[in-house]
Amino acid sequence: MAEAFNDLTLPDTKDARYAAVAQEIASVLDGEPNLTARMATVSSMLANSFDHYFWTGFYVVDPTREAELVVGPYQGTLGCMRIAFGRGVCGAAAATGQTQVVADVHAFPGHIACDSRSASEIVTPVFDADGRLIAVFDVDSETPAAFDAVDQAWLEQIMARVFARRT
């Protein structure tokens, strides 16, 4: 399946590109129950599909520490190791259960600067089949205001398809 993805010619519009990669992700992950493998695959496939993605990955809810995320599978430069719920964009998404679309990370209260090149960010909460928060999916861009409602809708849909269904 990975070869099929590498040969995939992606459509020009962002919406069509998301539709194509979402279908490809579903195909590659069909029957794969391992959570880490699913997260690593989603991170890799999305990171390689969009030029405006600079850092792409998951922060996973740490079951051993209350209200804290720990870095999970990702693509990009070194990420933050741990983030408390409510702190920065990832912590805000974890605390509220709502996607955070931030046009200018430097203007976001409490933003955590893991890489100074990051200019904008989108973070989508990831829920399991029982509706429990298991992670957040974080994408940073070097371009200001790189994310919009199209990114939000597709990332929310992909996370629900991949993680909120029973495998």
C-alpha atoms as a PDB file:
ATOM      1  CA  MET A   1       0.000   0.000   0.000  1.00  0.00           C
ATOM      2  CA  ALA A   2       2.817   2.450   0.764  1.00  0.00           C
ATOM      3  CA  GLU A   3       4.000   2.209  -2.841  1.00  0.00           C
ATOM      4  CA  ALA A   4       0.548   3.234  -4.036  1.00  0.00           C
ATOM      5  CA  PHE A   5       0.713   6.321  -1.835  1.00  0.00           C
ATOM      6  CA  ASN A   6       4.181   7.284  -3.066  1.00  0.00           C
ATOM      7  CA  ASP A   7       2.961   7.156  -6.669  1.00  0.00           C
ATOM      8  CA  LEU A   8      -0.206   9.121  -5.911  1.00  0.00           C
ATOM      9  CA  THR A   9      -0.556  12.347  -7.879  1.00  0.00           C
ATOM     10  CA  LEU A  10      -2.497  14.660  -5.629  1.00  0.00           C
ATOM     11  CA  PRO A  11      -5.141  17.061  -6.929  1.00  0.00           C
ATOM     12  CA  ASP A  12      -4.413  20.787  -7.052  1.00  0.00           C
ATOM     13  CA  THR A  13      -7.156  22.133  -4.774  1.00  0.00           C
ATOM     14  CA  LYS A  14      -6.762  21.734  -1.033  1.00  0.00           C
ATOM     15  CA  ASP A  15     -10.215  20.207  -0.631  1.00  0.00           C
ATOM     16  CA  ALA A  16      -9.609  17.635  -3.386  1.00  0.00           C
ATOM     17  CA  ARG A  17      -6.176  16.856  -1.965  1.00  0.00           C
ATOM     18  CA  TYR A  18      -7.645  16.171   1.479  1.00  0.00           C
ATOM     19  CA  ALA A  19     -10.308  13.952  -0.075  1.00  0.00           C
ATOM     20  CA  ALA A  20      -7.663  11.935  -1.925  1.00  0.00           C
ATOM     21  CA  VAL A  21      -5.326  11.539   1.040  1.00  0.00           C
ATOM     22  CA  ALA A  22      -8.223  10.691   3.388  1.00  0.00           C
ATOM     23  CA  GLN A  23      -9.199   7.849   1.073  1.00  0.00           C
ATOM     24  CA  GLU A  24      -5.584   6.693   0.844  1.00  0.00           C
ATOM     25  CA  ILE A  25      -5.176   6.788   4.653  1.00  0.00           C
ATOM     26  CA  ALA A  26      -8.308   4.676   5.074  1.00  0.00           C
ATOM     27  CA  SER A  27      -6.994   2.167   2.566  1.00  0.00           C
ATOM     28  CA  VAL A  28      -3.535   1.893   4.112  1.00  0.00           C
ATOM     29  CA  LEU A  29      -4.924   1.537   7.660  1.00  0.00           C
ATOM     30  CA  ASP A  30      -7.669  -0.943   6.802  1.00  0.00           C
ATOM     31  CA  GLY A  31      -7.462  -3.674   9.432  1.00  0.00           C
ATOM     32  CA  GLU A  32      -4.570  -2.126  11.417  1.00  0.00           C
ATOM     33  CA  PRO A  33      -5.543  -2.067  15.115  1.00  0.00           C
ATOM     34  CA  ASN A  34      -2.320  -0.648  16.621  1.00  0.00           C
ATOM     35  CA  LEU A  35      -2.770   2.949  17.766  1.00  0.00           C
ATOM     36  CA  THR A  36       0.883   3.939  17.359  1.00  0.00           C
ATOM     37  CA  ALA A  37       0.992   2.541  13.819  1.00  0.00           C
ATOM     38  CA  ARG A  38      -2.188   4.423  12.965  1.00  0.00           C
ATOM     39  CA  MET A  39      -0.819   7.712  14.353  1.00  0.00           C
ATOM     40  CA  ALA A  40       2.549   7.303  12.617  1.00  0.00           C
ATOM     41  CA  THR A  41       0.859   6.572   9.303  1.00  0.00           C
ATOM     42  CA  VAL A  42      -1.532   9.521   9.538  1.00  0.00           C
ATOM     43  CA  SER A  43       1.334  11.877  10.451  1.00  0.00           C
ATOM     44  CA  SER A  44       3.505  10.674   7.593  1.00  0.00           C
ATOM     45  CA  MET A  45       0.823  10.678   4.926  1.00  0.00           C
ATOM     46  CA  LEU A  46      -0.536  14.111   5.804  1.00  0.00           C
ATOM     47  CA  ALA A  47       2.929  15.656   6.185  1.00  0.00           C
ATOM     48  CA  ASN A  48       3.893  14.426   2.732  1.00  0.00           C
ATOM     49  CA  SER A  49       0.676  15.662   1.111  1.00  0.00           C
ATOM     50  CA  PHE A  50       0.739  19.379   1.921  1.00  0.00           C
ATOM     51  CA  ASP A  51       3.457  21.949   1.319  1.00  0.00           C
ATOM     52  CA  HIS A  52       2.090  24.220   4.062  1.00  0.00           C
ATOM     53  CA  TYR A  53       2.637  21.545   6.742  1.00  0.00           C
ATOM     54  CA  PHE A  54       5.882  22.226   8.635  1.00  0.00           C
ATOM     55  CA  TRP A  55       5.444  20.034  11.749  1.00  0.00           C
ATOM     56  CA  THR A  56       2.811  17.299  11.813  1.00  0.00           C
ATOM     57  CA  GLY A  57       2.057  14.935  14.652  1.00  0.00           C
ATOM     58  CA  PHE A  58       0.298  13.768  17.754  1.00  0.00           C
ATOM     59  CA  TYR A  59       0.493  14.642  21.402  1.00  0.00           C
ATOM     60  CA  VAL A  60      -0.998  11.721  23.315  1.00  0.00           C
ATOM     61  CA  VAL A  61      -2.888  11.911  26.599  1.00  0.00           C
ATOM     62  CA  ASP A  62      -0.535  10.456  29.218  1.00  0.00           C
ATOM     63  CA  PRO A  63      -2.515   7.976  31.321  1.00  0.00           C
ATOM     64  CA  THR A  64       0.063   8.177  34.125  1.00  0.00           C
ATOM     65  CA  ARG A  65      -0.182  11.955  34.584  1.00  0.00           C
ATOM     66  CA  GLU A  66      -3.357  13.927  35.083  1.00  0.00           C
ATOM     67  CA  ALA A  67      -4.222  16.417  32.325  1.00  0.00           C
ATOM     68  CA  GLU A  68      -0.955  16.138  30.428  1.00  0.00           C
ATOM     69  CA  LEU A  69       0.013  15.372  26.837  1.00  0.00           C
ATOM     70  CA  VAL A  70       3.221  13.608  25.813  1.00  0.00           C
ATOM     71  CA  VAL A  71       4.732  13.757  22.336  1.00  0.00           C
ATOM     72  CA  GLY A  72       3.701  10.889  20.086  1.00  0.00           C
ATOM     73  CA  PRO A  73       4.397   9.975  16.458  1.00  0.00           C
ATOM     74  CA  TYR A  74       5.302  13.017  14.355  1.00  0.00           C
ATOM     75  CA  GLN A  75       7.095  14.349  11.292  1.00  0.00           C
ATOM     76  CA  GLY A  76       9.351  17.383  11.634  1.00  0.00           C
ATOM     77  CA  THR A  77      11.853  18.981  13.944  1.00  0.00           C
ATOM     78  CA  LEU A  78      12.048  18.183  17.656  1.00  0.00           C
ATOM     79  CA  GLY A  79       8.685  18.605  19.361  1.00  0.00           C
ATOM     80  CA  CYS A  80       7.904  19.560  22.917  1.00  0.00           C
ATOM     81  CA  MET A  81       8.067  16.533  25.217  1.00  0.00           C
ATOM     82  CA  ARG A  82       5.097  17.345  27.467  1.00  0.00           C
ATOM     83  CA  ILE A  83       2.283  19.876  27.399  1.00  0.00           C
ATOM     84  CA  ALA A  84      -0.217  20.488  30.192  1.00  0.00           C
ATOM     85  CA  PHE A  85      -3.904  20.729  29.320  1.00  0.00           C
ATOM     86  CA  GLY A  86      -4.746  24.407  28.911  1.00  0.00           C
ATOM     87  CA  ARG A  87      -1.181  25.431  27.994  1.00  0.00           C
ATOM     88  CA  GLY A  88      -0.473  26.631  24.447  1.00  0.00           C
ATOM     89  CA  VAL A  89      -2.498  25.697  21.383  1.00  0.00           C
ATOM     90  CA  CYS A  90      -2.270  21.928  21.963  1.00  0.00           C
ATOM     91  CA  GLY A  91      -3.234  22.289  25.610  1.00  0.00           C
ATOM     92  CA  ALA A  92      -6.169  24.513  24.651  1.00  0.00           C
ATOM     93  CA  ALA A  93      -7.465  21.885  22.216  1.00  0.00           C
ATOM     94  CA  ALA A  94      -7.086  19.181  24.879  1.00  0.00           C
ATOM     95  CA  ALA A  95      -8.806  21.251  27.579  1.00  0.00           C
ATOM     96  CA  THR A  96     -11.728  22.410  25.425  1.00  0.00           C
ATOM     97  CA  GLY A  97     -12.150  19.409  23.128  1.00  0.00           C
ATOM     98  CA  GLN A  98     -12.371  21.896  20.243  1.00  0.00           C
ATOM     99  CA  THR A  99     -10.151  22.394  17.211  1.00  0.00           C
ATOM    100  CA  GLN A 100      -7.919  25.438  17.517  1.00  0.00           C
ATOM    101  CA  VAL A 101      -7.105  27.344  14.302  1.00  0.00           C
ATOM    102  CA  VAL A 102      -4.447  29.977  15.007  1.00  0.00           C
ATOM    103  CA  ALA A 103      -3.444  32.405  12.247  1.00  0.00           C
ATOM    104  CA  ASP A 104      -0.557  33.899  14.267  1.00  0.00           C
ATOM    105  CA  VAL A 105       0.924  31.683  16.969  1.00  0.00           C
ATOM    106  CA  HIS A 106       2.942  34.594  18.372  1.00  0.00           C
ATOM    107  CA  ALA A 107      -0.320  36.350  19.281  1.00  0.00           C
ATOM    108  CA  PHE A 108      -1.806  33.255  20.971  1.00  0.00           C
ATOM    109  CA  PRO A 109      -1.764  33.605  24.783  1.00  0.00           C
ATOM    110  CA  GLY A 110       0.678  31.105  26.288  1.00  0.00           C
ATOM    111  CA  HIS A 111       1.917  29.798  22.949  1.00  0.00           C
ATOM    112  CA  ILE A 112       4.724  27.255  23.368  1.00  0.00           C
ATOM    113  CA  ALA A 113       7.512  27.898  20.877  1.00  0.00           C
ATOM    114  CA  CYS A 114       8.951  24.456  20.130  1.00  0.00           C
ATOM    115  CA  ASP A 115      10.386  25.842  16.865  1.00  0.00           C
ATOM    116  CA  SER A 116      10.684  29.580  16.237  1.00  0.00           C
ATOM    117  CA  ARG A 117       9.920  29.091  12.520  1.00  0.00           C
ATOM    118  CA  SER A 118       6.310  28.167  13.280  1.00  0.00           C
ATOM    119  CA  ALA A 119       3.937  30.997  12.311  1.00  0.00           C
ATOM    120  CA  SER A 120       0.462  29.419  12.326  1.00  0.00           C
ATOM    121  CA  GLU A 121      -1.074  26.252  13.730  1.00  0.00           C
ATOM    122  CA  ILE A 122      -4.102  23.985  13.767  1.00  0.00           C
ATOM    123  CA  VAL A 123      -4.730  21.458  16.535  1.00  0.00           C
ATOM    124  CA  THR A 124      -7.557  18.926  16.388  1.00  0.00           C
ATOM    125  CA  PRO A 125      -8.631  16.823  19.383  1.00  0.00           C
ATOM    126  CA  VAL A 126      -8.630  13.066  18.768  1.00  0.00           C
ATOM    127  CA  PHE A 127     -11.317  10.951  20.429  1.00  0.00           C
ATOM    128  CA  ASP A 128     -11.657   7.180  20.674  1.00  0.00           C
ATOM    129  CA  ALA A 129     -14.814   5.187  19.906  1.00  0.00           C
ATOM    130  CA  ASP A 130     -16.123   5.885  23.430  1.00  0.00           C
ATOM    131  CA  GLY A 131     -15.679   9.647  23.049  1.00  0.00           C
ATOM    132  CA  ARG A 132     -12.619   9.869  25.308  1.00  0.00           C
ATOM    133  CA  LEU A 133      -9.829  12.261  24.376  1.00  0.00           C
ATOM    134  CA  ILE A 134      -6.785  10.148  23.465  1.00  0.00           C
ATOM    135  CA  ALA A 135      -4.579  12.751  21.752  1.00  0.00           C
ATOM    136  CA  VAL A 136      -4.441  15.973  19.804  1.00  0.00           C
ATOM    137  CA  PHE A 137      -3.248  16.217  16.217  1.00  0.00           C
ATOM    138  CA  ASP A 138      -1.002  19.238  15.724  1.00  0.00           C
ATOM    139  CA  VAL A 139       0.074  20.861  12.458  1.00  0.00           C
ATOM    140  CA  ASP A 140       2.357  23.889  12.313  1.00  0.00           C
ATOM    141  CA  SER A 141       3.190  26.030   9.293  1.00  0.00           C
ATOM    142  CA  GLU A 142       5.928  28.536   8.586  1.00  0.00           C
ATOM    143  CA  THR A 143       3.304  30.590   6.731  1.00  0.00           C
ATOM    144  CA  PRO A 144       1.018  32.930   8.696  1.00  0.00           C
ATOM    145  CA  ALA A 145      -2.708  32.093   8.454  1.00  0.00           C
ATOM    146  CA  ALA A 146      -1.977  28.848   6.597  1.00  0.00           C
ATOM    147  CA  PHE A 147      -5.011  27.005   7.983  1.00  0.00           C
ATOM    148  CA  ASP A 148      -8.702  27.592   7.411  1.00  0.00           C
ATOM    149  CA  ALA A 149     -12.109  25.941   7.617  1.00  0.00           C
ATOM    150  CA  VAL A 150     -11.157  23.445   4.884  1.00  0.00           C
ATOM    151  CA  ASP A 151      -8.208  22.189   6.951  1.00  0.00           C
ATOM    152  CA  GLN A 152     -10.364  22.064  10.064  1.00  0.00           C
ATOM    153  CA  ALA A 153     -13.218  20.128   8.462  1.00  0.00           C
ATOM    154  CA  TRP A 154     -10.953  17.553   6.828  1.00  0.00           C
ATOM    155  CA  LEU A 155      -8.671  17.032   9.821  1.00  0.00           C
ATOM    156  CA  GLU A 156     -11.668  16.560  12.101  1.00  0.00           C
ATOM    157  CA  GLN A 157     -13.174  14.094   9.624  1.00  0.00           C
ATOM    158  CA  ILE A 158      -9.920  12.143   9.185  1.00  0.00           C
ATOM    159  CA  MET A 159      -9.330  11.907  12.952  1.00  0.00           C
ATOM    160  CA  ALA A 160     -12.906  10.679  13.494  1.00  0.00           C
ATOM    161  CA  ARG A 161     -12.619   8.079  10.725  1.00  0.00           C
ATOM    162  CA  VAL A 162      -9.263   6.770  11.890  1.00  0.00           C
ATOM    163  CA  PHE A 163      -9.618   6.864  15.683  1.00  0.00           C
ATOM    164  CA  ALA A 164     -13.285   7.085  16.706  1.00  0.00           C
ATOM    165  CA  ARG A 165     -14.375   3.888  15.033  1.00  0.00           C
ATOM    166  CA  ARG A 166     -14.017   0.438  16.477  1.00  0.00           C
ATOM    167  CA  THR A 167     -11.376  -1.663  14.721  1.00  0.00           C
END
